[in-house]
Amino acid sequence: MAMPSHAKYLIIGAGIHGLSTAWHLAIGGAFALLEAEVEVLPHCKYKMKYTMHVDDQYNWDPGKVAIIPIVGEINDKDVGRLHLIGLAREYHMIGVYSNEFTWKTGEQLDLHTGKVDRSNGSPR
């Protein structure tokens, strides 16, 4: 069976936890969708174009609690009260990010930094 020269992927998730503590504390969970298109190029090279879509309602849910370093425990019910009295506002949050990478067989791609690890001795 021959290796395909082109493939499209779609990954759907119900959270972006794990990116960083700062993102988790800023928006909590969010719906995420990742589209990726991978192409096999000549000379053992690969190209990937990807787009990340994030969608969430920025709001406060009674019953949820966040532990913030140094500050301590923050209850969503208490913070949500600021919305009820007009000092804060809930809103719909949408984000889209796209990028493209090229690498060779044996190299590793770090999607967080966008860098290719060539430490295996492969030429640039």
PDB file of N, CA and C in Angstrom:
ATOM      1  N   MET A   1       0.840  -1.186   0.000  1.00  0.00           N
ATOM      2  CA  MET A   1       0.000   0.000   0.000  1.00  0.00           C
ATOM      3  C   MET A   1       0.882   1.245   0.000  1.00  0.00           C
ATOM      4  N   ALA A   2       0.642   2.144  -0.920  1.00  0.00           N
ATOM      5  CA  ALA A   2       1.442   3.363  -1.044  1.00  0.00           C
ATOM      6  C   ALA A   2       1.034   4.396   0.005  1.00  0.00           C
ATOM      7  N   MET A   3       2.003   5.162   0.444  1.00  0.00           N
ATOM      8  CA  MET A   3       1.766   6.244   1.402  1.00  0.00           C
ATOM      9  C   MET A   3       1.063   7.388   0.667  1.00  0.00           C
ATOM     10  N   PRO A   4      -0.020   7.938   1.224  1.00  0.00           N
ATOM     11  CA  PRO A   4      -0.682   9.062   0.544  1.00  0.00           C
ATOM     12  C   PRO A   4       0.231  10.284   0.518  1.00  0.00           C
ATOM     13  N   SER A   5       0.121  11.073  -0.525  1.00  0.00           N
ATOM     14  CA  SER A   5       0.966  12.262  -0.630  1.00  0.00           C
ATOM     15  C   SER A   5       0.303  13.487  -0.009  1.00  0.00           C
ATOM     16  N   HIS A   6      -0.948  13.331   0.405  1.00  0.00           N
ATOM     17  CA  HIS A   6      -1.701  14.473   0.918  1.00  0.00           C
ATOM     18  C   HIS A   6      -2.800  13.957   1.839  1.00  0.00           C
ATOM     19  N   ALA A   7      -2.989  14.587   2.981  1.00  0.00           N
ATOM     20  CA  ALA A   7      -4.053  14.158   3.898  1.00  0.00           C
ATOM     21  C   ALA A   7      -4.596  15.361   4.647  1.00  0.00           C
ATOM     22  N   LYS A   8      -5.887  15.326   4.951  1.00  0.00           N
ATOM     23  CA  LYS A   8      -6.524  16.365   5.765  1.00  0.00           C
ATOM     24  C   LYS A   8      -7.013  15.735   7.052  1.00  0.00           C
ATOM     25  N   TYR A   9      -6.876  16.450   8.154  1.00  0.00           N
ATOM     26  CA  TYR A   9      -7.291  15.964   9.454  1.00  0.00           C
ATOM     27  C   TYR A   9      -8.191  17.003  10.116  1.00  0.00           C
ATOM     28  N   LEU A  10      -9.094  16.542  10.942  1.00  0.00           N
ATOM     29  CA  LEU A  10      -9.962  17.415  11.711  1.00  0.00           C
ATOM     30  C   LEU A  10     -10.050  16.843  13.120  1.00  0.00           C
ATOM     31  N   ILE A  11      -9.646  17.625  14.105  1.00  0.00           N
ATOM     32  CA  ILE A  11      -9.671  17.187  15.498  1.00  0.00           C
ATOM     33  C   ILE A  11     -10.583  18.145  16.255  1.00  0.00           C
ATOM     34  N   ILE A  12     -11.545  17.574  16.954  1.00  0.00           N
ATOM     35  CA  ILE A  12     -12.490  18.390  17.717  1.00  0.00           C
ATOM     36  C   ILE A  12     -12.321  18.051  19.189  1.00  0.00           C
ATOM     37  N   GLY A  13     -12.236  19.071  20.028  1.00  0.00           N
ATOM     38  CA  GLY A  13     -12.064  18.847  21.454  1.00  0.00           C
ATOM     39  C   GLY A  13     -12.923  19.793  22.256  1.00  0.00           C
ATOM     40  N   ALA A  14     -13.177  19.419  23.481  1.00  0.00           N
ATOM     41  CA  ALA A  14     -14.006  20.248  24.354  1.00  0.00           C
ATOM     42  C   ALA A  14     -13.158  20.882  25.436  1.00  0.00           C
ATOM     43  N   GLY A  15     -11.993  21.348  25.080  1.00  0.00           N
ATOM     44  CA  GLY A  15     -11.163  22.023  26.068  1.00  0.00           C
ATOM     45  C   GLY A  15      -9.805  22.359  25.499  1.00  0.00           C
ATOM     46  N   ILE A  16      -9.191  23.377  26.047  1.00  0.00           N
ATOM     47  CA  ILE A  16      -7.836  23.708  25.646  1.00  0.00           C
ATOM     48  C   ILE A  16      -6.926  23.663  26.862  1.00  0.00           C
ATOM     49  N   HIS A  17      -7.338  22.918  27.869  1.00  0.00           N
ATOM     50  CA  HIS A  17      -6.514  22.791  29.066  1.00  0.00           C
ATOM     51  C   HIS A  17      -5.181  22.164  28.701  1.00  0.00           C
ATOM     52  N   GLY A  18      -4.148  22.540  29.401  1.00  0.00           N
ATOM     53  CA  GLY A  18      -2.832  21.998  29.135  1.00  0.00           C
ATOM     54  C   GLY A  18      -1.950  22.963  28.368  1.00  0.00           C
ATOM     55  N   LEU A  19      -2.544  23.984  27.746  1.00  0.00           N
ATOM     56  CA  LEU A  19      -1.707  24.955  27.045  1.00  0.00           C
ATOM     57  C   LEU A  19      -0.868  25.732  28.045  1.00  0.00           C
ATOM     58  N   SER A  20      -1.490  26.252  29.076  1.00  0.00           N
ATOM     59  CA  SER A  20      -0.763  26.944  30.135  1.00  0.00           C
ATOM     60  C   SER A  20      -1.728  27.257  31.265  1.00  0.00           C
ATOM     61  N   THR A  21      -1.179  27.452  32.432  1.00  0.00           N
ATOM     62  CA  THR A  21      -2.003  27.833  33.583  1.00  0.00           C
ATOM     63  C   THR A  21      -2.655  29.186  33.334  1.00  0.00           C
ATOM     64  N   ALA A  22      -1.929  30.100  32.685  1.00  0.00           N
ATOM     65  CA  ALA A  22      -2.473  31.436  32.429  1.00  0.00           C
ATOM     66  C   ALA A  22      -3.721  31.367  31.555  1.00  0.00           C
ATOM     67  N   TRP A  23      -3.671  30.567  30.461  1.00  0.00           N
ATOM     68  CA  TRP A  23      -4.844  30.438  29.605  1.00  0.00           C
ATOM     69  C   TRP A  23      -5.999  29.803  30.364  1.00  0.00           C
ATOM     70  N   HIS A  24      -5.709  28.786  31.159  1.00  0.00           N
ATOM     71  CA  HIS A  24      -6.771  28.113  31.916  1.00  0.00           C
ATOM     72  C   HIS A  24      -7.433  29.085  32.886  1.00  0.00           C
ATOM     73  N   LEU A  25      -6.639  29.877  33.593  1.00  0.00           N
ATOM     74  CA  LEU A  25      -7.217  30.835  34.539  1.00  0.00           C
ATOM     75  C   LEU A  25      -7.944  31.971  33.826  1.00  0.00           C
ATOM     76  N   ALA A  26      -7.486  32.337  32.627  1.00  0.00           N
ATOM     77  CA  ALA A  26      -8.111  33.448  31.905  1.00  0.00           C
ATOM     78  C   ALA A  26      -9.460  33.069  31.325  1.00  0.00           C
ATOM     79  N   ILE A  27      -9.583  31.883  30.717  1.00  0.00           N
ATOM     80  CA  ILE A  27     -10.834  31.548  30.039  1.00  0.00           C
ATOM     81  C   ILE A  27     -11.455  30.231  30.486  1.00  0.00           C
ATOM     82  N   GLY A  28     -10.783  29.492  31.348  1.00  0.00           N
ATOM     83  CA  GLY A  28     -11.328  28.194  31.765  1.00  0.00           C
ATOM     84  C   GLY A  28     -11.294  27.231  30.601  1.00  0.00           C
ATOM     85  N   GLY A  29     -12.374  26.518  30.358  1.00  0.00           N
ATOM     86  CA  GLY A  29     -12.448  25.602  29.226  1.00  0.00           C
ATOM     87  C   GLY A  29     -13.020  26.299  28.014  1.00  0.00           C
ATOM     88  N   ALA A  30     -12.799  25.719  26.862  1.00  0.00           N
ATOM     89  CA  ALA A  30     -13.341  26.273  25.625  1.00  0.00           C
ATOM     90  C   ALA A  30     -13.475  25.150  24.615  1.00  0.00           C
ATOM     91  N   PHE A  31     -14.330  25.330  23.641  1.00  0.00           N
ATOM     92  CA  PHE A  31     -14.471  24.374  22.545  1.00  0.00           C
ATOM     93  C   PHE A  31     -13.363  24.672  21.544  1.00  0.00           C
ATOM     94  N   ALA A  32     -12.648  23.640  21.121  1.00  0.00           N
ATOM     95  CA  ALA A  32     -11.554  23.838  20.181  1.00  0.00           C
ATOM     96  C   ALA A  32     -11.686  22.891  19.001  1.00  0.00           C
ATOM     97  N   LEU A  33     -11.318  23.391  17.829  1.00  0.00           N
ATOM     98  CA  LEU A  33     -11.312  22.585  16.616  1.00  0.00           C
ATOM     99  C   LEU A  33      -9.993  22.861  15.899  1.00  0.00           C
ATOM    100  N   LEU A  34      -9.286  21.806  15.529  1.00  0.00           N
ATOM    101  CA  LEU A  34      -8.021  21.939  14.830  1.00  0.00           C
ATOM    102  C   LEU A  34      -8.143  21.291  13.465  1.00  0.00           C
ATOM    103  N   GLU A  35      -7.889  22.077  12.417  1.00  0.00           N
ATOM    104  CA  GLU A  35      -7.851  21.544  11.051  1.00  0.00           C
ATOM    105  C   GLU A  35      -6.386  21.495  10.650  1.00  0.00           C
ATOM    106  N   ALA A  36      -5.955  20.384  10.071  1.00  0.00           N
ATOM    107  CA  ALA A  36      -4.572  20.281   9.608  1.00  0.00           C
ATOM    108  C   ALA A  36      -4.543  19.622   8.244  1.00  0.00           C
ATOM    109  N   GLU A  37      -3.696  20.130   7.394  1.00  0.00           N
ATOM    110  CA  GLU A  37      -3.489  19.562   6.076  1.00  0.00           C
ATOM    111  C   GLU A  37      -1.998  19.240   5.968  1.00  0.00           C
ATOM    112  N   VAL A  38      -1.680  17.957   5.746  1.00  0.00           N
ATOM    113  CA  VAL A  38      -0.288  17.509   5.688  1.00  0.00           C
ATOM    114  C   VAL A  38       0.022  17.046   4.275  1.00  0.00           C
ATOM    115  N   GLU A  39       1.166  17.476   3.779  1.00  0.00           N
ATOM    116  CA  GLU A  39       1.570  17.120   2.427  1.00  0.00           C
ATOM    117  C   GLU A  39       2.970  16.515   2.456  1.00  0.00           C
ATOM    118  N   VAL A  40       3.165  15.418   1.732  1.00  0.00           N
ATOM    119  CA  VAL A  40       4.475  14.792   1.604  1.00  0.00           C
ATOM    120  C   VAL A  40       5.172  15.445   0.415  1.00  0.00           C
ATOM    121  N   LEU A  41       6.383  15.991   0.669  1.00  0.00           N
ATOM    122  CA  LEU A  41       7.163  16.665  -0.366  1.00  0.00           C
ATOM    123  C   LEU A  41       8.335  15.780  -0.789  1.00  0.00           C
ATOM    124  N   PRO A  42       8.999  16.103  -1.884  1.00  0.00           N
ATOM    125  CA  PRO A  42      10.188  15.338  -2.278  1.00  0.00           C
ATOM    126  C   PRO A  42      11.297  15.434  -1.221  1.00  0.00           C
ATOM    127  N   HIS A  43      12.228  14.501  -1.261  1.00  0.00           N
ATOM    128  CA  HIS A  43      13.413  14.480  -0.398  1.00  0.00           C
ATOM    129  C   HIS A  43      13.055  14.329   1.083  1.00  0.00           C
ATOM    130  N   CYS A  44      12.070  13.482   1.378  1.00  0.00           N
ATOM    131  CA  CYS A  44      11.677  13.163   2.764  1.00  0.00           C
ATOM    132  C   CYS A  44      11.276  14.390   3.560  1.00  0.00           C
ATOM    133  N   LYS A  45      10.627  15.333   2.927  1.00  0.00           N
ATOM    134  CA  LYS A  45      10.143  16.536   3.615  1.00  0.00           C
ATOM    135  C   LYS A  45       8.618  16.476   3.713  1.00  0.00           C
ATOM    136  N   TYR A  46       8.102  17.204   4.696  1.00  0.00           N
ATOM    137  CA  TYR A  46       6.664  17.267   4.937  1.00  0.00           C
ATOM    138  C   TYR A  46       6.279  18.714   5.184  1.00  0.00           C
ATOM    139  N   LYS A  47       5.060  19.061   4.795  1.00  0.00           N
ATOM    140  CA  LYS A  47       4.540  20.406   5.055  1.00  0.00           C
ATOM    141  C   LYS A  47       3.175  20.255   5.713  1.00  0.00           C
ATOM    142  N   MET A  48       2.971  21.020   6.774  1.00  0.00           N
ATOM    143  CA  MET A  48       1.679  21.006   7.459  1.00  0.00           C
ATOM    144  C   MET A  48       1.167  22.436   7.589  1.00  0.00           C
ATOM    145  N   LYS A  49      -0.060  22.639   7.124  1.00  0.00           N
ATOM    146  CA  LYS A  49      -0.776  23.894   7.350  1.00  0.00           C
ATOM    147  C   LYS A  49      -1.862  23.567   8.363  1.00  0.00           C
ATOM    148  N   TYR A  50      -1.978  24.381   9.406  1.00  0.00           N
ATOM    149  CA  TYR A  50      -3.043  24.113  10.368  1.00  0.00           C
ATOM    150  C   TYR A  50      -3.733  25.394  10.804  1.00  0.00           C
ATOM    151  N   THR A  51      -4.977  25.223  11.209  1.00  0.00           N
ATOM    152  CA  THR A  51      -5.779  26.327  11.732  1.00  0.00           C
ATOM    153  C   THR A  51      -6.480  25.853  12.993  1.00  0.00           C
ATOM    154  N   MET A  52      -6.333  26.606  14.067  1.00  0.00           N
ATOM    155  CA  MET A  52      -6.988  26.312  15.340  1.00  0.00           C
ATOM    156  C   MET A  52      -8.129  27.301  15.522  1.00  0.00           C
ATOM    157  N   HIS A  53      -9.322  26.783  15.806  1.00  0.00           N
ATOM    158  CA  HIS A  53     -10.503  27.604  16.073  1.00  0.00           C
ATOM    159  C   HIS A  53     -10.876  27.395  17.541  1.00  0.00           C
ATOM    160  N   VAL A  54     -11.127  28.469  18.270  1.00  0.00           N
ATOM    161  CA  VAL A  54     -11.538  28.394  19.674  1.00  0.00           C
ATOM    162  C   VAL A  54     -12.824  29.200  19.829  1.00  0.00           C
ATOM    163  N   ASP A  55     -13.761  28.649  20.578  1.00  0.00           N
ATOM    164  CA  ASP A  55     -15.064  29.286  20.757  1.00  0.00           C
ATOM    165  C   ASP A  55     -15.519  29.052  22.195  1.00  0.00           C
ATOM    166  N   ASP A  56     -15.951  30.104  22.857  1.00  0.00           N
ATOM    167  CA  ASP A  56     -16.403  29.951  24.242  1.00  0.00           C
ATOM    168  C   ASP A  56     -17.277  31.134  24.630  1.00  0.00           C
ATOM    169  N   GLN A  57     -18.170  30.887  25.540  1.00  0.00           N
ATOM    170  CA  GLN A  57     -18.946  31.964  26.159  1.00  0.00           C
ATOM    171  C   GLN A  57     -18.207  32.340  27.436  1.00  0.00           C
ATOM    172  N   TYR A  58     -17.665  33.552  27.495  1.00  0.00           N
ATOM    173  CA  TYR A  58     -16.953  33.996  28.694  1.00  0.00           C
ATOM    174  C   TYR A  58     -18.004  34.373  29.725  1.00  0.00           C
ATOM    175  N   ASN A  59     -18.128  33.534  30.725  1.00  0.00           N
ATOM    176  CA  ASN A  59     -19.161  33.769  31.734  1.00  0.00           C
ATOM    177  C   ASN A  59     -18.744  33.159  33.063  1.00  0.00           C
ATOM    178  N   TRP A  60     -19.588  33.322  34.051  1.00  0.00           N
ATOM    179  CA  TRP A  60     -19.328  32.792  35.383  1.00  0.00           C
ATOM    180  C   TRP A  60     -20.436  31.809  35.726  1.00  0.00           C
ATOM    181  N   ASP A  61     -20.032  30.628  36.116  1.00  0.00           N
ATOM    182  CA  ASP A  61     -20.985  29.556  36.416  1.00  0.00           C
ATOM    183  C   ASP A  61     -21.024  29.291  37.919  1.00  0.00           C
ATOM    184  N   PRO A  62     -22.166  29.538  38.561  1.00  0.00           N
ATOM    185  CA  PRO A  62     -22.271  29.230  39.986  1.00  0.00           C
ATOM    186  C   PRO A  62     -21.885  27.777  40.239  1.00  0.00           C
ATOM    187  N   GLY A  63     -21.102  27.567  41.272  1.00  0.00           N
ATOM    188  CA  GLY A  63     -20.652  26.218  41.602  1.00  0.00           C
ATOM    189  C   GLY A  63     -19.222  25.943  41.181  1.00  0.00           C
ATOM    190  N   LYS A  64     -18.698  26.733  40.242  1.00  0.00           N
ATOM    191  CA  LYS A  64     -17.310  26.553  39.828  1.00  0.00           C
ATOM    192  C   LYS A  64     -16.403  27.409  40.707  1.00  0.00           C
ATOM    193  N   VAL A  65     -15.212  26.867  40.932  1.00  0.00           N
ATOM    194  CA  VAL A  65     -14.221  27.551  41.762  1.00  0.00           C
ATOM    195  C   VAL A  65     -12.874  27.488  41.059  1.00  0.00           C
ATOM    196  N   ALA A  66     -12.127  28.575  41.085  1.00  0.00           N
ATOM    197  CA  ALA A  66     -10.767  28.603  40.534  1.00  0.00           C
ATOM    198  C   ALA A  66      -9.790  28.858  41.668  1.00  0.00           C
ATOM    199  N   ILE A  67      -8.690  28.139  41.658  1.00  0.00           N
ATOM    200  CA  ILE A  67      -7.617  28.369  42.626  1.00  0.00           C
ATOM    201  C   ILE A  67      -6.538  29.174  41.897  1.00  0.00           C
ATOM    202  N   ILE A  68      -6.321  30.393  42.326  1.00  0.00           N
ATOM    203  CA  ILE A  68      -5.339  31.275  41.693  1.00  0.00           C
ATOM    204  C   ILE A  68      -4.152  31.421  42.643  1.00  0.00           C
ATOM    205  N   PRO A  69      -2.943  31.113  42.145  1.00  0.00           N
ATOM    206  CA  PRO A  69      -1.762  31.226  43.004  1.00  0.00           C
ATOM    207  C   PRO A  69      -1.677  32.604  43.654  1.00  0.00           C
ATOM    208  N   ILE A  70      -1.297  32.631  44.886  1.00  0.00           N
ATOM    209  CA  ILE A  70      -1.142  33.811  45.744  1.00  0.00           C
ATOM    210  C   ILE A  70      -2.496  34.375  46.179  1.00  0.00           C
ATOM    211  N   VAL A  71      -3.473  34.474  45.265  1.00  0.00           N
ATOM    212  CA  VAL A  71      -4.787  35.038  45.588  1.00  0.00           C
ATOM    213  C   VAL A  71      -5.619  34.047  46.398  1.00  0.00           C
ATOM    214  N   GLY A  72      -5.622  32.782  45.970  1.00  0.00           N
ATOM    215  CA  GLY A  72      -6.418  31.763  46.650  1.00  0.00           C
ATOM    216  C   GLY A  72      -7.635  31.357  45.842  1.00  0.00           C
ATOM    217  N   GLU A  73      -8.691  30.973  46.538  1.00  0.00           N
ATOM    218  CA  GLU A  73      -9.895  30.445  45.903  1.00  0.00           C
ATOM    219  C   GLU A  73     -10.831  31.570  45.462  1.00  0.00           C
ATOM    220  N   ILE A  74     -11.266  31.517  44.197  1.00  0.00           N
ATOM    221  CA  ILE A  74     -12.219  32.488  43.656  1.00  0.00           C
ATOM    222  C   ILE A  74     -13.461  31.714  43.231  1.00  0.00           C
ATOM    223  N   ASN A  75     -14.604  32.097  43.767  1.00  0.00           N
ATOM    224  CA  ASN A  75     -15.858  31.422  43.461  1.00  0.00           C
ATOM    225  C   ASN A  75     -16.543  32.140  42.304  1.00  0.00           C
ATOM    226  N   ASP A  76     -16.928  31.381  41.246  1.00  0.00           N
ATOM    227  CA  ASP A  76     -17.597  31.991  40.091  1.00  0.00           C
ATOM    228  C   ASP A  76     -18.881  32.718  40.477  1.00  0.00           C
ATOM    229  N   LYS A  77     -19.576  32.229  41.489  1.00  0.00           N
ATOM    230  CA  LYS A  77     -20.820  32.880  41.920  1.00  0.00           C
ATOM    231  C   LYS A  77     -20.535  34.306  42.397  1.00  0.00           C
ATOM    232  N   ASP A  78     -19.451  34.473  43.143  1.00  0.00           N
ATOM    233  CA  ASP A  78     -19.096  35.805  43.651  1.00  0.00           C
ATOM    234  C   ASP A  78     -18.686  36.745  42.524  1.00  0.00           C
ATOM    235  N   VAL A  79     -17.865  36.241  41.575  1.00  0.00           N
ATOM    236  CA  VAL A  79     -17.427  37.070  40.458  1.00  0.00           C
ATOM    237  C   VAL A  79     -18.612  37.346  39.524  1.00  0.00           C
ATOM    238  N   GLY A  80     -19.501  36.378  39.347  1.00  0.00           N
ATOM    239  CA  GLY A  80     -20.674  36.547  38.509  1.00  0.00           C
ATOM    240  C   GLY A  80     -21.596  37.647  39.003  1.00  0.00           C
ATOM    241  N   ARG A  81     -21.550  37.906  40.278  1.00  0.00           N
ATOM    242  CA  ARG A  81     -22.364  38.993  40.838  1.00  0.00           C
ATOM    243  C   ARG A  81     -21.983  40.338  40.222  1.00  0.00           C
ATOM    244  N   LEU A  82     -20.698  40.504  39.868  1.00  0.00           N
ATOM    245  CA  LEU A  82     -20.254  41.745  39.224  1.00  0.00           C
ATOM    246  C   LEU A  82     -20.987  41.962  37.901  1.00  0.00           C
ATOM    247  N   HIS A  83     -21.278  40.867  37.190  1.00  0.00           N
ATOM    248  CA  HIS A  83     -22.051  40.957  35.946  1.00  0.00           C
ATOM    249  C   HIS A  83     -23.498  41.374  36.260  1.00  0.00           C
ATOM    250  N   LEU A  84     -24.062  40.776  37.277  1.00  0.00           N
ATOM    251  CA  LEU A  84     -25.459  41.073  37.626  1.00  0.00           C
ATOM    252  C   LEU A  84     -25.671  42.524  38.023  1.00  0.00           C
ATOM    253  N   ILE A  85     -24.653  43.124  38.658  1.00  0.00           N
ATOM    254  CA  ILE A  85     -24.818  44.518  39.093  1.00  0.00           C
ATOM    255  C   ILE A  85     -24.226  45.519  38.087  1.00  0.00           C
ATOM    256  N   GLY A  86     -23.751  45.013  36.934  1.00  0.00           N
ATOM    257  CA  GLY A  86     -23.305  45.896  35.861  1.00  0.00           C
ATOM    258  C   GLY A  86     -21.844  46.304  35.893  1.00  0.00           C
ATOM    259  N   LEU A  87     -21.015  45.676  36.731  1.00  0.00           N
ATOM    260  CA  LEU A  87     -19.596  46.037  36.792  1.00  0.00           C
ATOM    261  C   LEU A  87     -18.719  45.121  35.935  1.00  0.00           C
ATOM    262  N   ALA A  88     -19.301  44.084  35.387  1.00  0.00           N
ATOM    263  CA  ALA A  88     -18.576  43.166  34.492  1.00  0.00           C
ATOM    264  C   ALA A  88     -19.546  42.721  33.411  1.00  0.00           C
ATOM    265  N   ARG A  89     -19.037  42.100  32.380  1.00  0.00           N
ATOM    266  CA  ARG A  89     -19.902  41.696  31.281  1.00  0.00           C
ATOM    267  C   ARG A  89     -19.477  40.326  30.751  1.00  0.00           C
ATOM    268  N   GLU A  90     -20.469  39.462  30.530  1.00  0.00           N
ATOM    269  CA  GLU A  90     -20.216  38.189  29.869  1.00  0.00           C
ATOM    270  C   GLU A  90     -20.222  38.441  28.361  1.00  0.00           C
ATOM    271  N   TYR A  91     -19.460  37.666  27.602  1.00  0.00           N
ATOM    272  CA  TYR A  91     -19.402  37.868  26.159  1.00  0.00           C
ATOM    273  C   TYR A  91     -19.001  36.585  25.444  1.00  0.00           C
ATOM    274  N   HIS A  92     -19.248  36.566  24.143  1.00  0.00           N
ATOM    275  CA  HIS A  92     -18.886  35.438  23.296  1.00  0.00           C
ATOM    276  C   HIS A  92     -17.458  35.668  22.801  1.00  0.00           C
ATOM    277  N   MET A  93     -16.624  34.639  22.938  1.00  0.00           N
ATOM    278  CA  MET A  93     -15.214  34.742  22.574  1.00  0.00           C
ATOM    279  C   MET A  93     -14.919  33.780  21.422  1.00  0.00           C
ATOM    280  N   ILE A  94     -14.324  34.305  20.349  1.00  0.00           N
ATOM    281  CA  ILE A  94     -13.975  33.496  19.184  1.00  0.00           C
ATOM    282  C   ILE A  94     -12.538  33.822  18.802  1.00  0.00           C
ATOM    283  N   GLY A  95     -11.754  32.787  18.497  1.00  0.00           N
ATOM    284  CA  GLY A  95     -10.371  33.004  18.069  1.00  0.00           C
ATOM    285  C   GLY A  95      -9.989  32.037  16.962  1.00  0.00           C
ATOM    286  N   VAL A  96      -9.141  32.501  16.053  1.00  0.00           N
ATOM    287  CA  VAL A  96      -8.638  31.673  14.960  1.00  0.00           C
ATOM    288  C   VAL A  96      -7.147  31.960  14.802  1.00  0.00           C
ATOM    289  N   TYR A  97      -6.358  30.886  14.686  1.00  0.00           N
ATOM    290  CA  TYR A  97      -4.912  31.019  14.494  1.00  0.00           C
ATOM    291  C   TYR A  97      -4.467  30.019  13.435  1.00  0.00           C
ATOM    292  N   SER A  98      -3.679  30.471  12.466  1.00  0.00           N
ATOM    293  CA  SER A  98      -3.179  29.589  11.409  1.00  0.00           C
ATOM    294  C   SER A  98      -1.666  29.686  11.321  1.00  0.00           C
ATOM    295  N   ASN A  99      -1.046  28.580  10.899  1.00  0.00           N
ATOM    296  CA  ASN A  99       0.403  28.564  10.712  1.00  0.00           C
ATOM    297  C   ASN A  99       0.763  27.449   9.744  1.00  0.00           C
ATOM    298  N   GLU A 100       2.008  27.446   9.308  1.00  0.00           N
ATOM    299  CA  GLU A 100       2.497  26.440   8.369  1.00  0.00           C
ATOM    300  C   GLU A 100       3.920  26.058   8.770  1.00  0.00           C
ATOM    301  N   PHE A 101       4.233  24.755   8.710  1.00  0.00           N
ATOM    302  CA  PHE A 101       5.557  24.253   9.056  1.00  0.00           C
ATOM    303  C   PHE A 101       6.043  23.293   7.990  1.00  0.00           C
ATOM    304  N   THR A 102       7.368  23.238   7.798  1.00  0.00           N
ATOM    305  CA  THR A 102       7.999  22.245   6.930  1.00  0.00           C
ATOM    306  C   THR A 102       9.115  21.590   7.735  1.00  0.00           C
ATOM    307  N   TRP A 103       9.226  20.257   7.637  1.00  0.00           N
ATOM    308  CA  TRP A 103      10.281  19.532   8.344  1.00  0.00           C
ATOM    309  C   TRP A 103      10.647  18.286   7.558  1.00  0.00           C
ATOM    310  N   LYS A 104      11.776  17.665   7.966  1.00  0.00           N
ATOM    311  CA  LYS A 104      12.270  16.454   7.310  1.00  0.00           C
ATOM    312  C   LYS A 104      12.024  15.239   8.203  1.00  0.00           C
ATOM    313  N   THR A 105      12.065  14.052   7.590  1.00  0.00           N
ATOM    314  CA  THR A 105      11.939  12.804   8.338  1.00  0.00           C
ATOM    315  C   THR A 105      12.971  12.787   9.471  1.00  0.00           C
ATOM    316  N   GLY A 106      12.523  12.412  10.657  1.00  0.00           N
ATOM    317  CA  GLY A 106      13.411  12.333  11.821  1.00  0.00           C
ATOM    318  C   GLY A 106      13.426  13.582  12.674  1.00  0.00           C
ATOM    319  N   GLU A 107      12.984  14.697  12.131  1.00  0.00           N
ATOM    320  CA  GLU A 107      12.923  15.927  12.918  1.00  0.00           C
ATOM    321  C   GLU A 107      11.589  15.982  13.650  1.00  0.00           C
ATOM    322  N   GLN A 108      11.580  16.647  14.782  1.00  0.00           N
ATOM    323  CA  GLN A 108      10.350  16.775  15.557  1.00  0.00           C
ATOM    324  C   GLN A 108       9.907  18.225  15.561  1.00  0.00           C
ATOM    325  N   LEU A 109       8.608  18.406  15.473  1.00  0.00           N
ATOM    326  CA  LEU A 109       8.009  19.735  15.428  1.00  0.00           C
ATOM    327  C   LEU A 109       7.312  20.004  16.749  1.00  0.00           C
ATOM    328  N   ASP A 110       7.651  21.117  17.402  1.00  0.00           N
ATOM    329  CA  ASP A 110       7.001  21.523  18.647  1.00  0.00           C
ATOM    330  C   ASP A 110       5.938  22.560  18.295  1.00  0.00           C
ATOM    331  N   LEU A 111       4.659  22.174  18.374  1.00  0.00           N
ATOM    332  CA  LEU A 111       3.575  23.086  17.994  1.00  0.00           C
ATOM    333  C   LEU A 111       3.423  24.263  18.946  1.00  0.00           C
ATOM    334  N   HIS A 112       3.933  24.126  20.183  1.00  0.00           N
ATOM    335  CA  HIS A 112       3.827  25.244  21.132  1.00  0.00           C
ATOM    336  C   HIS A 112       4.793  26.367  20.769  1.00  0.00           C
ATOM    337  N   THR A 113       6.000  26.005  20.328  1.00  0.00           N
ATOM    338  CA  THR A 113       7.003  27.031  20.025  1.00  0.00           C
ATOM    339  C   THR A 113       7.133  27.295  18.541  1.00  0.00           C
ATOM    340  N   GLY A 114       6.695  26.350  17.695  1.00  0.00           N
ATOM    341  CA  GLY A 114       6.839  26.492  16.253  1.00  0.00           C
ATOM    342  C   GLY A 114       8.233  26.162  15.759  1.00  0.00           C
ATOM    343  N   LYS A 115       9.060  25.565  16.632  1.00  0.00           N
ATOM    344  CA  LYS A 115      10.426  25.247  16.251  1.00  0.00           C
ATOM    345  C   LYS A 115      10.561  23.785  15.883  1.00  0.00           C
ATOM    346  N   VAL A 116      11.470  23.520  14.942  1.00  0.00           N
ATOM    347  CA  VAL A 116      11.789  22.158  14.542  1.00  0.00           C
ATOM    348  C   VAL A 116      13.035  21.732  15.290  1.00  0.00           C
ATOM    349  N   ASP A 117      12.979  20.564  15.961  1.00  0.00           N
ATOM    350  CA  ASP A 117      14.133  20.029  16.689  1.00  0.00           C
ATOM    351  C   ASP A 117      14.968  19.209  15.714  1.00  0.00           C
ATOM    352  N   ARG A 118      16.163  19.707  15.410  1.00  0.00           N
ATOM    353  CA  ARG A 118      17.061  19.029  14.492  1.00  0.00           C
ATOM    354  C   ARG A 118      18.216  18.367  15.245  1.00  0.00           C
ATOM    355  N   SER A 119      18.037  18.102  16.526  1.00  0.00           N
ATOM    356  CA  SER A 119      19.111  17.573  17.356  1.00  0.00           C
ATOM    357  C   SER A 119      19.510  16.145  17.014  1.00  0.00           C
ATOM    358  N   ASN A 120      18.747  15.500  16.133  1.00  0.00           N
ATOM    359  CA  ASN A 120      19.099  14.138  15.747  1.00  0.00           C
ATOM    360  C   ASN A 120      20.236  14.110  14.731  1.00  0.00           C
ATOM    361  N   GLY A 121      20.808  15.269  14.402  1.00  0.00           N
ATOM    362  CA  GLY A 121      21.946  15.321  13.502  1.00  0.00           C
ATOM    363  C   GLY A 121      21.595  15.470  12.045  1.00  0.00           C
ATOM    364  N   SER A 122      20.318  15.596  11.716  1.00  0.00           N
ATOM    365  CA  SER A 122      19.945  15.731  10.312  1.00  0.00           C
ATOM    366  C   SER A 122      20.342  17.123   9.809  1.00  0.00           C
ATOM    367  N   PRO A 123      20.723  17.226   8.545  1.00  0.00           N
ATOM    368  CA  PRO A 123      21.115  18.543   8.002  1.00  0.00           C
ATOM    369  C   PRO A 123      19.931  19.481   7.915  1.00  0.00           C
ATOM    370  N   ARG A 124      20.204  20.750   7.917  1.00  0.00           N
ATOM    371  CA  ARG A 124      19.140  21.760   7.842  1.00  0.00           C
ATOM    372  C   ARG A 124      18.587  21.853   6.460  1.00  0.00           C
TER     373      ARG A 124
END
